[in-house]
C-alpha atoms as a PDB file:
ATOM      1  CA  UNK A   1     -48.622  23.106   3.883  1.00  0.00           C
ATOM      2  CA  UNK A   2     -47.481  22.743   0.156  1.00  0.00           C
ATOM      3  CA  UNK A   3     -44.353  24.282   1.201  1.00  0.00           C
ATOM      4  CA  UNK A   4     -43.641  21.481   3.782  1.00  0.00           C
ATOM      5  CA  UNK A   5     -44.474  18.644   1.319  1.00  0.00           C
ATOM      6  CA  UNK A   6     -41.955  20.179  -0.655  1.00  0.00           C
ATOM      7  CA  UNK A   7     -39.553  21.182   1.716  1.00  0.00           C
ATOM      8  CA  UNK A   8     -38.954  17.663   3.183  1.00  0.00           C
ATOM      9  CA  UNK A   9     -37.985  15.349   0.528  1.00  0.00           C
ATOM     10  CA  UNK A  10     -35.616  18.476  -0.662  1.00  0.00           C
ATOM     11  CA  UNK A  11     -33.588  18.453   2.720  1.00  0.00           C
ATOM     12  CA  UNK A  12     -34.036  14.558   2.551  1.00  0.00           C
ATOM     13  CA  UNK A  13     -31.876  14.633  -0.702  1.00  0.00           C
ATOM     14  CA  UNK A  14     -29.384  17.399   0.533  1.00  0.00           C
ATOM     15  CA  UNK A  15     -28.705  15.384   3.808  1.00  0.00           C
ATOM     16  CA  UNK A  16     -28.440  12.620   1.752  1.00  0.00           C
ATOM     17  CA  UNK A  17     -25.810  13.615  -0.830  1.00  0.00           C
ATOM     18  CA  UNK A  18     -23.786  15.223   2.325  1.00  0.00           C
ATOM     19  CA  UNK A  19     -23.487  11.838   3.712  1.00  0.00           C
ATOM     20  CA  UNK A  20     -22.600   9.947   0.477  1.00  0.00           C
ATOM     21  CA  UNK A  21     -19.861  12.991  -0.260  1.00  0.00           C
ATOM     22  CA  UNK A  22     -18.235  12.585   3.273  1.00  0.00           C
ATOM     23  CA  UNK A  23     -18.164   8.786   2.689  1.00  0.00           C
ATOM     24  CA  UNK A  24     -16.630   9.185  -0.732  1.00  0.00           C
ATOM     25  CA  UNK A  25     -14.179  11.186   0.846  1.00  0.00           C
ATOM     26  CA  UNK A  26     -13.333   8.825   3.660  1.00  0.00           C
ATOM     27  CA  UNK A  27     -12.881   6.013   1.038  1.00  0.00           C
ATOM     28  CA  UNK A  28     -10.601   8.146  -1.121  1.00  0.00           C
ATOM     29  CA  UNK A  29      -8.467   9.068   1.805  1.00  0.00           C
ATOM     30  CA  UNK A  30      -8.176   5.414   2.873  1.00  0.00           C
ATOM     31  CA  UNK A  31      -7.289   4.261  -0.797  1.00  0.00           C
ATOM     32  CA  UNK A  32      -4.643   6.986  -0.664  1.00  0.00           C
ATOM     33  CA  UNK A  33      -2.928   5.916   2.713  1.00  0.00           C
ATOM     34  CA  UNK A  34      -2.799   2.245   1.660  1.00  0.00           C
ATOM     35  CA  UNK A  35      -0.594   2.725  -1.220  1.00  0.00           C
ATOM     36  CA  UNK A  36       2.140   0.321  -1.827  1.00  0.00           C
ATOM     37  CA  UNK A  37       5.588   1.576  -2.295  1.00  0.00           C
ATOM     38  CA  UNK A  38       8.741   0.341  -2.995  1.00  0.00           C
ATOM     39  CA  UNK A  39      11.600  -0.606  -0.407  1.00  0.00           C
ATOM     40  CA  UNK A  40      15.312  -1.732  -0.616  1.00  0.00           C
ATOM     41  CA  UNK A  41      16.776  -4.346   1.251  1.00  0.00           C
ATOM     42  CA  UNK A  42      19.797  -3.170   3.585  1.00  0.00           C
ATOM     43  CA  UNK A  43      21.297  -6.360   4.307  1.00  0.00           C
ATOM     44  CA  UNK A  44      20.517  -9.164   1.801  1.00  0.00           C
ATOM     45  CA  UNK A  45      22.109 -11.895   4.226  1.00  0.00           C
ATOM     46  CA  UNK A  46      19.988 -10.049   7.391  1.00  0.00           C
ATOM     47  CA  UNK A  47      16.644 -11.241   8.014  1.00  0.00           C
ATOM     48  CA  UNK A  48      14.689 -10.595   4.729  1.00  0.00           C
ATOM     49  CA  UNK A  49      10.978 -10.344   6.556  1.00  0.00           C
ATOM     50  CA  UNK A  50      12.350  -7.839   9.207  1.00  0.00           C
ATOM     51  CA  UNK A  51      10.836  -4.166   8.368  1.00  0.00           C
ATOM     52  CA  UNK A  52      14.036  -2.752   9.942  1.00  0.00           C
ATOM     53  CA  UNK A  53      16.088  -4.368   6.915  1.00  0.00           C
ATOM     54  CA  UNK A  54      14.312  -2.058   4.464  1.00  0.00           C
ATOM     55  CA  UNK A  55      14.434   1.386   3.267  1.00  0.00           C
ATOM     56  CA  UNK A  56      12.305   3.345   1.168  1.00  0.00           C
ATOM     57  CA  UNK A  57      13.213   3.504  -2.473  1.00  0.00           C
ATOM     58  CA  UNK A  58      11.759   6.084  -4.528  1.00  0.00           C
ATOM     59  CA  UNK A  59      12.796   4.839  -8.311  1.00  0.00           C
ATOM     60  CA  UNK A  60      10.699   1.839 -10.031  1.00  0.00           C
ATOM     61  CA  UNK A  61      11.759  -1.430  -7.950  1.00  0.00           C
ATOM     62  CA  UNK A  62      11.499  -3.698 -10.968  1.00  0.00           C
ATOM     63  CA  UNK A  63      13.996  -1.785 -12.636  1.00  0.00           C
ATOM     64  CA  UNK A  64      16.587  -1.806  -9.611  1.00  0.00           C
ATOM     65  CA  UNK A  65      15.643  -5.380  -9.165  1.00  0.00           C
ATOM     66  CA  UNK A  66      16.150  -7.117 -12.793  1.00  0.00           C
ATOM     67  CA  UNK A  67      17.106 -10.365 -11.823  1.00  0.00           C
ATOM     68  CA  UNK A  68      16.209 -13.505  -9.864  1.00  0.00           C
ATOM     69  CA  UNK A  69      19.103 -14.551  -8.012  1.00  0.00           C
ATOM     70  CA  UNK A  70      19.370 -11.953  -4.807  1.00  0.00           C
ATOM     71  CA  UNK A  71      16.332 -10.294  -2.724  1.00  0.00           C
ATOM     72  CA  UNK A  72      16.853  -6.830  -3.178  1.00  0.00           C
ATOM     73  CA  UNK A  73      13.604  -5.191  -2.913  1.00  0.00           C
ATOM     74  CA  UNK A  74       9.500  -5.278  -1.710  1.00  0.00           C
ATOM     75  CA  UNK A  75       6.648  -3.325  -2.774  1.00  0.00           C
ATOM     76  CA  UNK A  76       4.528  -2.772   0.930  1.00  0.00           C
ATOM     77  CA  UNK A  77       2.271  -0.615   2.216  1.00  0.00           C
ATOM     78  CA  UNK A  78       4.070   1.838   4.987  1.00  0.00           C
ATOM     79  CA  UNK A  79       3.363   0.779   8.419  1.00  0.00           C
ATOM     80  CA  UNK A  80       3.079   4.366  10.105  1.00  0.00           C
ATOM     81  CA  UNK A  81       6.402   4.155  11.144  1.00  0.00           C
ATOM     82  CA  UNK A  82       8.282   4.410   7.934  1.00  0.00           C
ATOM     83  CA  UNK A  83       8.885   0.751   7.339  1.00  0.00           C
ATOM     84  CA  UNK A  84       7.235  -1.777   5.352  1.00  0.00           C
ATOM     85  CA  UNK A  85       3.881  -3.160   6.744  1.00  0.00           C
ATOM     86  CA  UNK A  86       4.961  -7.211   6.782  1.00  0.00           C
ATOM     87  CA  UNK A  87       1.938  -9.222   6.475  1.00  0.00           C
ATOM     88  CA  UNK A  88       2.129 -12.973   6.547  1.00  0.00           C
ATOM     89  CA  UNK A  89       1.209 -12.597   2.968  1.00  0.00           C
ATOM     90  CA  UNK A  90       4.169 -10.894   2.258  1.00  0.00           C
ATOM     91  CA  UNK A  91       6.499 -12.879   4.574  1.00  0.00           C
ATOM     92  CA  UNK A  92       5.146 -16.158   2.836  1.00  0.00           C
ATOM     93  CA  UNK A  93       6.361 -14.109  -0.800  1.00  0.00           C
ATOM     94  CA  UNK A  94       9.609 -13.646   0.741  1.00  0.00           C
ATOM     95  CA  UNK A  95      10.304 -16.550   2.169  1.00  0.00           C
ATOM     96  CA  UNK A  96       9.634 -18.328  -0.945  1.00  0.00           C
ATOM     97  CA  UNK A  97      12.588 -17.711  -2.727  1.00  0.00           C
ATOM     98  CA  UNK A  98      11.008 -16.570  -5.704  1.00  0.00           C
ATOM     99  CA  UNK A  99      10.130 -13.218  -7.475  1.00  0.00           C
ATOM    100  CA  UNK A 100       6.483 -11.985  -6.767  1.00  0.00           C
ATOM    101  CA  UNK A 101       4.704  -8.953  -7.863  1.00  0.00           C
ATOM    102  CA  UNK A 102       5.663  -7.626  -4.167  1.00  0.00           C
ATOM    103  CA  UNK A 103       9.033  -9.322  -4.420  1.00  0.00           C
ATOM    104  CA  UNK A 104      12.189  -8.514  -6.916  1.00  0.00           C
ATOM    105  CA  UNK A 105      15.572  -9.878  -6.854  1.00  0.00           C
ATOM    106  CA  UNK A 106      18.889  -8.840  -8.510  1.00  0.00           C
ATOM    107  CA  UNK A 107      21.876 -10.800  -9.852  1.00  0.00           C
ATOM    108  CA  UNK A 108      24.327 -11.587  -7.200  1.00  0.00           C
ATOM    109  CA  UNK A 109      27.348  -9.558  -7.658  1.00  0.00           C
END
């Protein structure tokens, strides 16, 4: 009987830790998959809210786009198809015509 009294709480603790570790791993995977990345505009006179008008940019988009005249890049999550995910908030920032922490401009050539 004493063994059963010790075994049940220990088993509960082990199972609880297993569930916690699995949940923490899932949260970590979700965080990694929702990392923003930089996207460069392909055609600045095209539709700036069209995900097909962007290509991945591997450098610092703020360095590529250091001014405030022509939209040249954005930071957004990957939509899973290799394009930026255009949320309503991001579209609103793009349409505002002002640089934000997600929308970057360069000097007009």
